Amino acid sequence: MKYQNLNQYRTPKDFRGKSKLTVQLWWMVQATLFAWSPQFLYGWRRFLVRSFGANIGKGVILRPTARITYPWKLTIGDYSWIGDEVVLYTLGEIEIGAHAVISQKGYICTGTHDYESPDFRIYAQKITIGAKCWLATDTYVAPGVTIGEGTVVGARSSVFKDLPSGKICIGNPAKPVRDRV
């Protein structure tokens, strides 16, 4: 077969980082206790994700519509904000620095497939978002990317390569356009 042959696909052993039972339990908790919690219960949502192994700093705002695949692969620094409908696709680790903002509908994606392998092999790479960054509405961040401290990524931008600190970056792919003052 010239392209992927999905009957050969296998999820690597221990890829999720926890048992299938733990994964299913988290998804049930996220779909109910997390998602149905009133907007102002940030402490409750911090408690829930910490209970599943996330490293969450003090004062972090997690909106009830945010989605976290595997919280045990997530670190968020103090006073950061995770907006409505943000997806933290933690097949690999995501590390978000203190005072960072990921605005609504952001998609932080640590996992992908090897499109050249017949078995469509899955893999994950860590994403690091520096302290005091702002990822504006509907941004996409690809596996393996590091965004430097204090950088702003403009609305609807896609980040496929590392971005330096202290810059304003826009576009698809996102590129620095000027310094952040």
N, C-alpha and C. Protein backbone atom coordinates (compact mmCIF):
# COMPACT_ATOMS: atom_id res chain seq x y z
N MET A 1 0.85 -1.18 0.00
CA MET A 1 0.00 0.00 0.00
C MET A 1 0.89 1.24 0.00
N LYS A 2 0.54 2.20 -0.80
CA LYS A 2 1.37 3.39 -0.97
C LYS A 2 1.27 4.36 0.22
N TYR A 3 0.10 4.46 0.80
CA TYR A 3 -0.10 5.39 1.92
C TYR A 3 -0.40 4.59 3.18
N GLN A 4 -0.96 5.24 4.21
CA GLN A 4 -1.16 4.52 5.46
C GLN A 4 -2.10 3.33 5.31
N ASN A 5 -1.78 2.32 6.10
CA ASN A 5 -2.58 1.11 6.16
C ASN A 5 -3.03 0.98 7.62
N LEU A 6 -4.21 1.46 7.93
CA LEU A 6 -4.62 1.62 9.32
C LEU A 6 -4.85 0.30 10.06
N ASN A 7 -4.98 -0.81 9.34
CA ASN A 7 -5.10 -2.07 10.08
C ASN A 7 -3.75 -2.47 10.69
N GLN A 8 -2.67 -1.76 10.36
CA GLN A 8 -1.36 -2.00 10.97
C GLN A 8 -1.10 -1.09 12.17
N TYR A 9 -1.95 -0.09 12.37
CA TYR A 9 -1.73 0.89 13.45
C TYR A 9 -1.81 0.23 14.82
N ARG A 10 -0.88 0.60 15.69
CA ARG A 10 -0.90 0.17 17.09
C ARG A 10 -0.49 1.35 17.95
N THR A 11 -1.24 1.63 19.01
CA THR A 11 -0.84 2.66 19.96
C THR A 11 0.33 2.11 20.77
N PRO A 12 1.42 2.87 20.87
CA PRO A 12 2.59 2.38 21.62
C PRO A 12 2.23 2.09 23.09
N LYS A 13 2.88 1.08 23.62
CA LYS A 13 2.68 0.71 25.03
C LYS A 13 2.99 1.91 25.92
N ASP A 14 2.15 2.17 26.91
CA ASP A 14 2.31 3.26 27.89
C ASP A 14 2.28 4.66 27.27
N PHE A 15 1.76 4.79 26.05
CA PHE A 15 1.70 6.08 25.38
C PHE A 15 0.86 7.08 26.16
N ARG A 16 -0.23 6.61 26.76
CA ARG A 16 -1.12 7.50 27.51
C ARG A 16 -0.52 7.93 28.85
N GLY A 17 0.37 7.13 29.38
CA GLY A 17 1.02 7.48 30.64
C GLY A 17 0.29 7.00 31.88
N LYS A 18 -0.91 6.52 31.73
CA LYS A 18 -1.72 5.94 32.81
C LYS A 18 -2.54 4.81 32.23
N SER A 19 -3.21 4.05 33.09
CA SER A 19 -4.03 2.93 32.63
C SER A 19 -5.25 3.41 31.84
N LYS A 20 -5.81 2.51 31.05
CA LYS A 20 -7.03 2.82 30.30
C LYS A 20 -8.16 3.20 31.26
N LEU A 21 -8.20 2.57 32.41
CA LEU A 21 -9.23 2.88 33.41
C LEU A 21 -9.09 4.33 33.90
N THR A 22 -7.86 4.75 34.19
CA THR A 22 -7.62 6.13 34.65
C THR A 22 -8.00 7.12 33.56
N VAL A 23 -7.65 6.81 32.32
CA VAL A 23 -8.00 7.68 31.19
C VAL A 23 -9.51 7.83 31.10
N GLN A 24 -10.24 6.73 31.16
CA GLN A 24 -11.69 6.79 31.05
C GLN A 24 -12.32 7.53 32.24
N LEU A 25 -11.77 7.31 33.43
CA LEU A 25 -12.27 8.01 34.61
C LEU A 25 -12.08 9.52 34.45
N TRP A 26 -10.89 9.94 33.98
CA TRP A 26 -10.66 11.37 33.77
C TRP A 26 -11.65 11.93 32.76
N TRP A 27 -11.86 11.23 31.65
CA TRP A 27 -12.76 11.74 30.63
C TRP A 27 -14.19 11.88 31.16
N MET A 28 -14.61 10.96 32.06
CA MET A 28 -15.94 11.09 32.67
C MET A 28 -15.98 12.28 33.63
N VAL A 29 -14.93 12.45 34.43
CA VAL A 29 -14.87 13.59 35.36
C VAL A 29 -14.85 14.90 34.57
N GLN A 30 -14.06 14.96 33.51
CA GLN A 30 -13.97 16.17 32.71
C GLN A 30 -15.31 16.51 32.06
N ALA A 31 -16.03 15.48 31.58
CA ALA A 31 -17.31 15.70 30.90
C ALA A 31 -18.43 16.10 31.85
N THR A 32 -18.26 15.84 33.14
CA THR A 32 -19.33 16.13 34.10
C THR A 32 -18.88 17.15 35.15
N LEU A 33 -18.14 16.70 36.13
CA LEU A 33 -17.77 17.57 37.26
C LEU A 33 -16.99 18.80 36.84
N PHE A 34 -16.11 18.66 35.85
CA PHE A 34 -15.32 19.79 35.35
C PHE A 34 -16.19 20.69 34.46
N ALA A 35 -16.78 20.12 33.43
CA ALA A 35 -17.51 20.90 32.42
C ALA A 35 -18.79 21.52 32.97
N TRP A 36 -19.44 20.86 33.90
CA TRP A 36 -20.71 21.38 34.43
C TRP A 36 -20.51 22.34 35.58
N SER A 37 -19.29 22.53 36.02
CA SER A 37 -19.07 23.41 37.18
C SER A 37 -19.32 24.86 36.78
N PRO A 38 -19.91 25.63 37.69
CA PRO A 38 -20.14 27.06 37.38
C PRO A 38 -18.82 27.75 37.04
N GLN A 39 -18.94 28.72 36.19
CA GLN A 39 -17.79 29.44 35.65
C GLN A 39 -16.80 29.90 36.72
N PHE A 40 -17.32 30.40 37.84
CA PHE A 40 -16.47 31.01 38.88
C PHE A 40 -15.74 30.00 39.76
N LEU A 41 -15.98 28.69 39.59
CA LEU A 41 -15.36 27.69 40.46
C LEU A 41 -13.99 27.25 39.94
N TYR A 42 -13.09 28.21 39.78
CA TYR A 42 -11.75 27.92 39.28
C TYR A 42 -10.98 27.00 40.22
N GLY A 43 -11.14 27.22 41.52
CA GLY A 43 -10.47 26.37 42.51
C GLY A 43 -10.89 24.92 42.40
N TRP A 44 -12.16 24.69 42.14
CA TRP A 44 -12.69 23.33 41.98
C TRP A 44 -12.05 22.65 40.77
N ARG A 45 -11.96 23.35 39.65
CA ARG A 45 -11.36 22.76 38.45
C ARG A 45 -9.85 22.53 38.64
N ARG A 46 -9.19 23.45 39.33
CA ARG A 46 -7.77 23.22 39.65
C ARG A 46 -7.62 21.95 40.49
N PHE A 47 -8.50 21.79 41.47
CA PHE A 47 -8.48 20.60 42.32
C PHE A 47 -8.66 19.33 41.48
N LEU A 48 -9.63 19.34 40.58
CA LEU A 48 -9.89 18.15 39.76
C LEU A 48 -8.68 17.76 38.92
N VAL A 49 -8.07 18.71 38.21
CA VAL A 49 -6.93 18.35 37.36
C VAL A 49 -5.71 17.97 38.19
N ARG A 50 -5.54 18.62 39.34
CA ARG A 50 -4.44 18.22 40.24
C ARG A 50 -4.65 16.80 40.74
N SER A 51 -5.91 16.43 40.99
CA SER A 51 -6.23 15.08 41.47
C SER A 51 -5.83 14.02 40.46
N PHE A 52 -5.72 14.40 39.20
CA PHE A 52 -5.30 13.48 38.15
C PHE A 52 -3.85 13.71 37.73
N GLY A 53 -3.08 14.43 38.56
CA GLY A 53 -1.65 14.52 38.36
C GLY A 53 -1.12 15.77 37.68
N ALA A 54 -1.99 16.72 37.31
CA ALA A 54 -1.51 17.96 36.70
C ALA A 54 -0.74 18.78 37.73
N ASN A 55 0.26 19.50 37.27
CA ASN A 55 1.02 20.41 38.11
C ASN A 55 0.50 21.82 37.80
N ILE A 56 -0.41 22.31 38.64
CA ILE A 56 -1.11 23.57 38.39
C ILE A 56 -0.73 24.57 39.47
N GLY A 57 -0.26 25.74 39.05
CA GLY A 57 0.13 26.79 39.98
C GLY A 57 -1.05 27.45 40.65
N LYS A 58 -0.73 28.38 41.55
CA LYS A 58 -1.80 29.09 42.27
C LYS A 58 -2.45 30.13 41.36
N GLY A 59 -3.74 30.32 41.57
CA GLY A 59 -4.48 31.35 40.85
C GLY A 59 -4.72 31.07 39.38
N VAL A 60 -4.48 29.85 38.92
CA VAL A 60 -4.71 29.52 37.51
C VAL A 60 -6.20 29.52 37.22
N ILE A 61 -6.57 30.11 36.09
CA ILE A 61 -7.96 30.11 35.63
C ILE A 61 -8.10 29.07 34.53
N LEU A 62 -8.93 28.08 34.79
CA LEU A 62 -9.30 27.06 33.80
C LEU A 62 -10.79 27.21 33.55
N ARG A 63 -11.15 27.58 32.35
CA ARG A 63 -12.56 27.73 32.01
C ARG A 63 -13.21 26.35 31.89
N PRO A 64 -14.51 26.23 32.23
CA PRO A 64 -15.16 24.92 32.23
C PRO A 64 -15.25 24.26 30.86
N THR A 65 -15.11 25.03 29.78
CA THR A 65 -15.18 24.43 28.45
C THR A 65 -13.80 24.04 27.90
N ALA A 66 -12.73 24.28 28.66
CA ALA A 66 -11.39 23.84 28.25
C ALA A 66 -11.34 22.32 28.28
N ARG A 67 -10.52 21.73 27.42
CA ARG A 67 -10.38 20.28 27.35
C ARG A 67 -8.91 19.90 27.50
N ILE A 68 -8.67 18.93 28.38
CA ILE A 68 -7.32 18.45 28.66
C ILE A 68 -7.35 16.94 28.44
N THR A 69 -6.54 16.45 27.52
CA THR A 69 -6.57 15.02 27.19
C THR A 69 -6.05 14.18 28.36
N TYR A 70 -4.83 14.43 28.78
CA TYR A 70 -4.22 13.70 29.89
C TYR A 70 -3.62 14.70 30.87
N PRO A 71 -4.31 15.03 31.96
CA PRO A 71 -3.82 16.07 32.87
C PRO A 71 -2.48 15.74 33.51
N TRP A 72 -2.12 14.49 33.63
CA TRP A 72 -0.84 14.11 34.24
C TRP A 72 0.34 14.51 33.38
N LYS A 73 0.10 15.02 32.18
CA LYS A 73 1.18 15.50 31.31
C LYS A 73 1.15 17.02 31.17
N LEU A 74 0.52 17.70 32.12
CA LEU A 74 0.30 19.14 32.03
C LEU A 74 0.93 19.88 33.21
N THR A 75 1.65 20.96 32.90
CA THR A 75 2.16 21.88 33.91
C THR A 75 1.75 23.29 33.51
N ILE A 76 1.13 24.02 34.45
CA ILE A 76 0.73 25.42 34.22
C ILE A 76 1.23 26.24 35.40
N GLY A 77 1.96 27.32 35.09
CA GLY A 77 2.51 28.20 36.12
C GLY A 77 1.46 29.10 36.76
N ASP A 78 1.84 29.73 37.86
CA ASP A 78 0.96 30.60 38.64
C ASP A 78 0.27 31.66 37.78
N TYR A 79 -1.00 31.88 38.08
CA TYR A 79 -1.81 32.98 37.55
C TYR A 79 -2.01 32.94 36.03
N SER A 80 -1.82 31.81 35.41
CA SER A 80 -2.08 31.71 33.97
C SER A 80 -3.57 31.49 33.72
N TRP A 81 -3.99 31.84 32.51
CA TRP A 81 -5.40 31.73 32.11
C TRP A 81 -5.52 30.79 30.92
N ILE A 82 -6.45 29.85 31.02
CA ILE A 82 -6.78 28.94 29.93
C ILE A 82 -8.24 29.23 29.56
N GLY A 83 -8.46 29.76 28.38
CA GLY A 83 -9.77 30.28 27.97
C GLY A 83 -10.77 29.23 27.55
N ASP A 84 -11.95 29.73 27.18
CA ASP A 84 -13.05 28.87 26.74
C ASP A 84 -12.68 28.10 25.48
N GLU A 85 -13.05 26.83 25.47
CA GLU A 85 -12.88 25.93 24.33
C GLU A 85 -11.42 25.74 23.91
N VAL A 86 -10.49 26.00 24.81
CA VAL A 86 -9.08 25.70 24.54
C VAL A 86 -8.90 24.18 24.65
N VAL A 87 -8.13 23.61 23.72
CA VAL A 87 -7.80 22.19 23.76
C VAL A 87 -6.31 22.07 24.09
N LEU A 88 -6.03 21.40 25.19
CA LEU A 88 -4.66 21.07 25.57
C LEU A 88 -4.50 19.58 25.28
N TYR A 89 -4.07 19.28 24.06
CA TYR A 89 -3.99 17.90 23.57
C TYR A 89 -2.67 17.30 24.04
N THR A 90 -2.70 16.83 25.28
CA THR A 90 -1.51 16.40 25.99
C THR A 90 -1.15 14.94 25.74
N LEU A 91 -0.98 14.57 24.48
CA LEU A 91 -0.43 13.24 24.23
C LEU A 91 1.02 13.22 24.70
N GLY A 92 1.67 14.37 24.59
CA GLY A 92 2.99 14.61 25.18
C GLY A 92 2.83 15.72 26.21
N GLU A 93 3.93 16.11 26.81
CA GLU A 93 3.88 17.14 27.86
C GLU A 93 3.60 18.52 27.28
N ILE A 94 2.83 19.29 28.03
CA ILE A 94 2.65 20.71 27.77
C ILE A 94 3.07 21.44 29.03
N GLU A 95 3.97 22.42 28.86
CA GLU A 95 4.41 23.25 29.96
C GLU A 95 4.11 24.70 29.62
N ILE A 96 3.30 25.33 30.47
CA ILE A 96 2.88 26.72 30.27
C ILE A 96 3.42 27.52 31.44
N GLY A 97 4.17 28.58 31.15
CA GLY A 97 4.77 29.39 32.19
C GLY A 97 3.76 30.24 32.95
N ALA A 98 4.23 30.88 34.00
CA ALA A 98 3.40 31.74 34.85
C ALA A 98 2.92 32.96 34.07
N HIS A 99 1.72 33.41 34.42
CA HIS A 99 1.14 34.64 33.86
C HIS A 99 0.93 34.56 32.35
N ALA A 100 0.79 33.37 31.81
CA ALA A 100 0.54 33.19 30.38
C ALA A 100 -0.96 33.12 30.13
N VAL A 101 -1.37 33.49 28.92
CA VAL A 101 -2.78 33.45 28.53
C VAL A 101 -2.91 32.67 27.23
N ILE A 102 -3.80 31.69 27.25
CA ILE A 102 -4.20 31.02 26.01
C ILE A 102 -5.68 31.34 25.84
N SER A 103 -5.96 32.18 24.86
CA SER A 103 -7.33 32.67 24.65
C SER A 103 -8.21 31.60 24.01
N GLN A 104 -9.50 31.91 23.97
CA GLN A 104 -10.51 30.96 23.53
C GLN A 104 -10.17 30.31 22.19
N LYS A 105 -10.53 29.04 22.13
CA LYS A 105 -10.39 28.18 20.95
C LYS A 105 -8.95 27.90 20.54
N GLY A 106 -7.99 28.16 21.41
CA GLY A 106 -6.62 27.77 21.12
C GLY A 106 -6.51 26.25 21.08
N TYR A 107 -5.59 25.75 20.28
CA TYR A 107 -5.37 24.30 20.16
C TYR A 107 -3.88 24.04 20.29
N ILE A 108 -3.50 23.45 21.43
CA ILE A 108 -2.10 23.17 21.72
C ILE A 108 -1.93 21.66 21.54
N CYS A 109 -1.26 21.26 20.45
CA CYS A 109 -1.30 19.88 19.98
C CYS A 109 0.08 19.22 20.04
N THR A 110 0.29 18.34 21.01
CA THR A 110 1.59 17.68 21.16
C THR A 110 1.73 16.42 20.32
N GLY A 111 0.66 15.92 19.74
CA GLY A 111 0.72 14.64 19.05
C GLY A 111 0.41 14.73 17.57
N THR A 112 1.00 13.81 16.83
CA THR A 112 0.73 13.70 15.40
C THR A 112 1.10 12.29 14.95
N HIS A 113 0.96 12.06 13.65
CA HIS A 113 1.29 10.76 13.07
C HIS A 113 2.40 10.92 12.04
N ASP A 114 3.17 9.86 11.86
CA ASP A 114 4.18 9.81 10.82
C ASP A 114 3.49 9.38 9.53
N TYR A 115 3.20 10.34 8.67
CA TYR A 115 2.45 10.06 7.45
C TYR A 115 3.25 9.25 6.43
N GLU A 116 4.56 9.10 6.66
CA GLU A 116 5.39 8.30 5.76
C GLU A 116 5.48 6.83 6.18
N SER A 117 5.00 6.51 7.39
CA SER A 117 5.07 5.12 7.85
C SER A 117 3.78 4.40 7.46
N PRO A 118 3.90 3.17 6.97
CA PRO A 118 2.70 2.42 6.57
C PRO A 118 1.73 2.19 7.74
N ASP A 119 2.28 2.10 8.97
CA ASP A 119 1.40 1.86 10.12
C ASP A 119 0.88 3.16 10.75
N PHE A 120 1.14 4.31 10.11
CA PHE A 120 0.63 5.62 10.55
C PHE A 120 1.01 5.88 12.01
N ARG A 121 2.27 5.56 12.34
CA ARG A 121 2.80 5.63 13.70
C ARG A 121 2.47 6.96 14.37
N ILE A 122 2.02 6.90 15.61
CA ILE A 122 1.72 8.10 16.39
C ILE A 122 2.92 8.45 17.26
N TYR A 123 3.14 9.74 17.46
CA TYR A 123 4.20 10.17 18.36
C TYR A 123 3.82 11.52 18.97
N ALA A 124 4.51 11.89 20.02
CA ALA A 124 4.24 13.14 20.71
C ALA A 124 5.55 13.86 20.99
N GLN A 125 5.47 15.20 21.00
CA GLN A 125 6.62 16.03 21.35
C GLN A 125 6.15 17.15 22.27
N LYS A 126 6.95 17.43 23.28
CA LYS A 126 6.63 18.44 24.28
C LYS A 126 6.47 19.83 23.65
N ILE A 127 5.50 20.58 24.17
CA ILE A 127 5.32 21.99 23.82
C ILE A 127 5.60 22.81 25.07
N THR A 128 6.39 23.88 24.89
CA THR A 128 6.69 24.80 25.99
C THR A 128 6.24 26.19 25.59
N ILE A 129 5.41 26.78 26.44
CA ILE A 129 4.94 28.16 26.24
C ILE A 129 5.48 28.96 27.40
N GLY A 130 6.30 29.94 27.11
CA GLY A 130 6.99 30.69 28.14
C GLY A 130 6.08 31.54 29.01
N ALA A 131 6.63 31.99 30.11
CA ALA A 131 5.92 32.88 31.02
C ALA A 131 5.52 34.16 30.29
N LYS A 132 4.38 34.70 30.67
CA LYS A 132 3.89 35.99 30.19
C LYS A 132 3.63 36.04 28.68
N CYS A 133 3.43 34.88 28.08
CA CYS A 133 3.02 34.83 26.67
C CYS A 133 1.51 35.08 26.59
N TRP A 134 1.08 35.51 25.42
CA TRP A 134 -0.34 35.59 25.13
C TRP A 134 -0.57 34.97 23.76
N LEU A 135 -1.31 33.89 23.75
CA LEU A 135 -1.73 33.27 22.50
C LEU A 135 -3.18 33.70 22.29
N ALA A 136 -3.40 34.56 21.31
CA ALA A 136 -4.72 35.14 21.08
C ALA A 136 -5.68 34.09 20.50
N THR A 137 -6.89 34.51 20.27
CA THR A 137 -7.98 33.63 19.84
C THR A 137 -7.61 32.70 18.69
N ASP A 138 -7.97 31.43 18.86
CA ASP A 138 -7.92 30.44 17.78
C ASP A 138 -6.52 30.18 17.24
N THR A 139 -5.52 30.20 18.11
CA THR A 139 -4.17 29.88 17.67
C THR A 139 -3.95 28.36 17.71
N TYR A 140 -3.06 27.90 16.86
CA TYR A 140 -2.68 26.49 16.82
C TYR A 140 -1.18 26.42 17.08
N VAL A 141 -0.78 25.50 17.97
CA VAL A 141 0.64 25.27 18.25
C VAL A 141 0.93 23.79 17.99
N ALA A 142 1.92 23.54 17.13
CA ALA A 142 2.26 22.19 16.68
C ALA A 142 3.21 21.49 17.66
N PRO A 143 3.30 20.15 17.55
CA PRO A 143 4.19 19.38 18.42
C PRO A 143 5.63 19.86 18.35
N GLY A 144 6.29 19.87 19.53
CA GLY A 144 7.71 20.18 19.62
C GLY A 144 8.07 21.65 19.66
N VAL A 145 7.08 22.54 19.64
CA VAL A 145 7.33 23.97 19.57
C VAL A 145 7.62 24.55 20.96
N THR A 146 8.54 25.53 20.98
CA THR A 146 8.79 26.35 22.16
C THR A 146 8.52 27.80 21.79
N ILE A 147 7.70 28.47 22.61
CA ILE A 147 7.41 29.89 22.42
C ILE A 147 8.08 30.63 23.57
N GLY A 148 8.97 31.55 23.23
CA GLY A 148 9.77 32.26 24.23
C GLY A 148 8.94 33.17 25.12
N GLU A 149 9.50 33.48 26.27
CA GLU A 149 8.85 34.32 27.29
C GLU A 149 8.38 35.65 26.71
N GLY A 150 7.15 36.02 27.09
CA GLY A 150 6.61 37.33 26.75
C GLY A 150 6.14 37.50 25.32
N THR A 151 6.17 36.46 24.54
CA THR A 151 5.77 36.57 23.13
C THR A 151 4.25 36.56 22.99
N VAL A 152 3.76 37.36 22.04
CA VAL A 152 2.35 37.39 21.69
C VAL A 152 2.19 36.71 20.33
N VAL A 153 1.23 35.80 20.26
CA VAL A 153 0.91 35.15 18.99
C VAL A 153 -0.49 35.63 18.60
N GLY A 154 -0.59 36.28 17.44
CA GLY A 154 -1.84 36.89 17.00
C GLY A 154 -2.94 35.89 16.71
N ALA A 155 -4.18 36.40 16.71
CA ALA A 155 -5.37 35.59 16.49
C ALA A 155 -5.26 34.80 15.19
N ARG A 156 -5.70 33.55 15.26
CA ARG A 156 -5.75 32.63 14.13
C ARG A 156 -4.40 32.31 13.51
N SER A 157 -3.35 32.53 14.26
CA SER A 157 -2.02 32.17 13.77
C SER A 157 -1.75 30.69 14.03
N SER A 158 -0.85 30.12 13.24
CA SER A 158 -0.43 28.73 13.41
C SER A 158 1.07 28.71 13.64
N VAL A 159 1.48 28.05 14.71
CA VAL A 159 2.89 28.03 15.11
C VAL A 159 3.45 26.64 14.87
N PHE A 160 4.36 26.54 13.88
CA PHE A 160 4.97 25.27 13.52
C PHE A 160 6.44 25.20 13.89
N LYS A 161 7.05 26.35 14.21
CA LYS A 161 8.46 26.40 14.60
C LYS A 161 8.60 27.28 15.83
N ASP A 162 9.70 27.10 16.56
CA ASP A 162 9.95 27.88 17.77
C ASP A 162 9.87 29.38 17.47
N LEU A 163 9.35 30.12 18.45
CA LEU A 163 9.29 31.58 18.36
C LEU A 163 10.15 32.17 19.47
N PRO A 164 10.88 33.26 19.17
CA PRO A 164 11.77 33.87 20.17
C PRO A 164 10.99 34.63 21.24
N SER A 165 11.67 34.99 22.29
CA SER A 165 11.08 35.76 23.40
C SER A 165 10.82 37.20 22.98
N GLY A 166 9.80 37.79 23.61
CA GLY A 166 9.57 39.22 23.49
C GLY A 166 9.17 39.73 22.12
N LYS A 167 8.47 38.93 21.36
CA LYS A 167 8.08 39.32 20.00
C LYS A 167 6.56 39.31 19.84
N ILE A 168 6.10 40.05 18.82
CA ILE A 168 4.73 39.93 18.34
C ILE A 168 4.83 39.07 17.08
N CYS A 169 4.07 37.97 17.04
CA CYS A 169 4.15 37.04 15.92
C CYS A 169 2.75 36.83 15.35
N ILE A 170 2.66 36.82 14.02
CA ILE A 170 1.37 36.60 13.38
C ILE A 170 1.55 35.75 12.13
N GLY A 171 0.45 35.17 11.68
CA GLY A 171 0.43 34.51 10.40
C GLY A 171 0.35 33.01 10.46
N ASN A 172 0.36 32.44 9.24
CA ASN A 172 0.31 31.01 9.07
C ASN A 172 1.31 30.64 7.99
N PRO A 173 2.51 30.29 8.37
CA PRO A 173 2.99 30.07 9.74
C PRO A 173 3.31 31.39 10.45
N ALA A 174 3.20 31.36 11.77
CA ALA A 174 3.48 32.56 12.58
C ALA A 174 4.96 32.94 12.48
N LYS A 175 5.19 34.24 12.29
CA LYS A 175 6.54 34.78 12.22
C LYS A 175 6.60 36.09 13.01
N PRO A 176 7.75 36.37 13.61
CA PRO A 176 7.88 37.65 14.32
C PRO A 176 7.74 38.84 13.36
N VAL A 177 6.96 39.84 13.80
CA VAL A 177 6.81 41.05 12.98
C VAL A 177 7.39 42.28 13.67
N ARG A 178 7.49 42.21 15.01
CA ARG A 178 8.12 43.32 15.74
C ARG A 178 8.35 42.90 17.17
N ASP A 179 9.06 43.74 17.91
CA ASP A 179 9.28 43.50 19.34
C ASP A 179 8.03 43.83 20.13
N ARG A 180 7.84 43.12 21.24
CA ARG A 180 6.77 43.46 22.17
C ARG A 180 7.31 44.51 23.12
N VAL A 181 6.67 45.65 23.15
CA VAL A 181 7.13 46.76 23.99
C VAL A 181 6.52 46.61 25.36
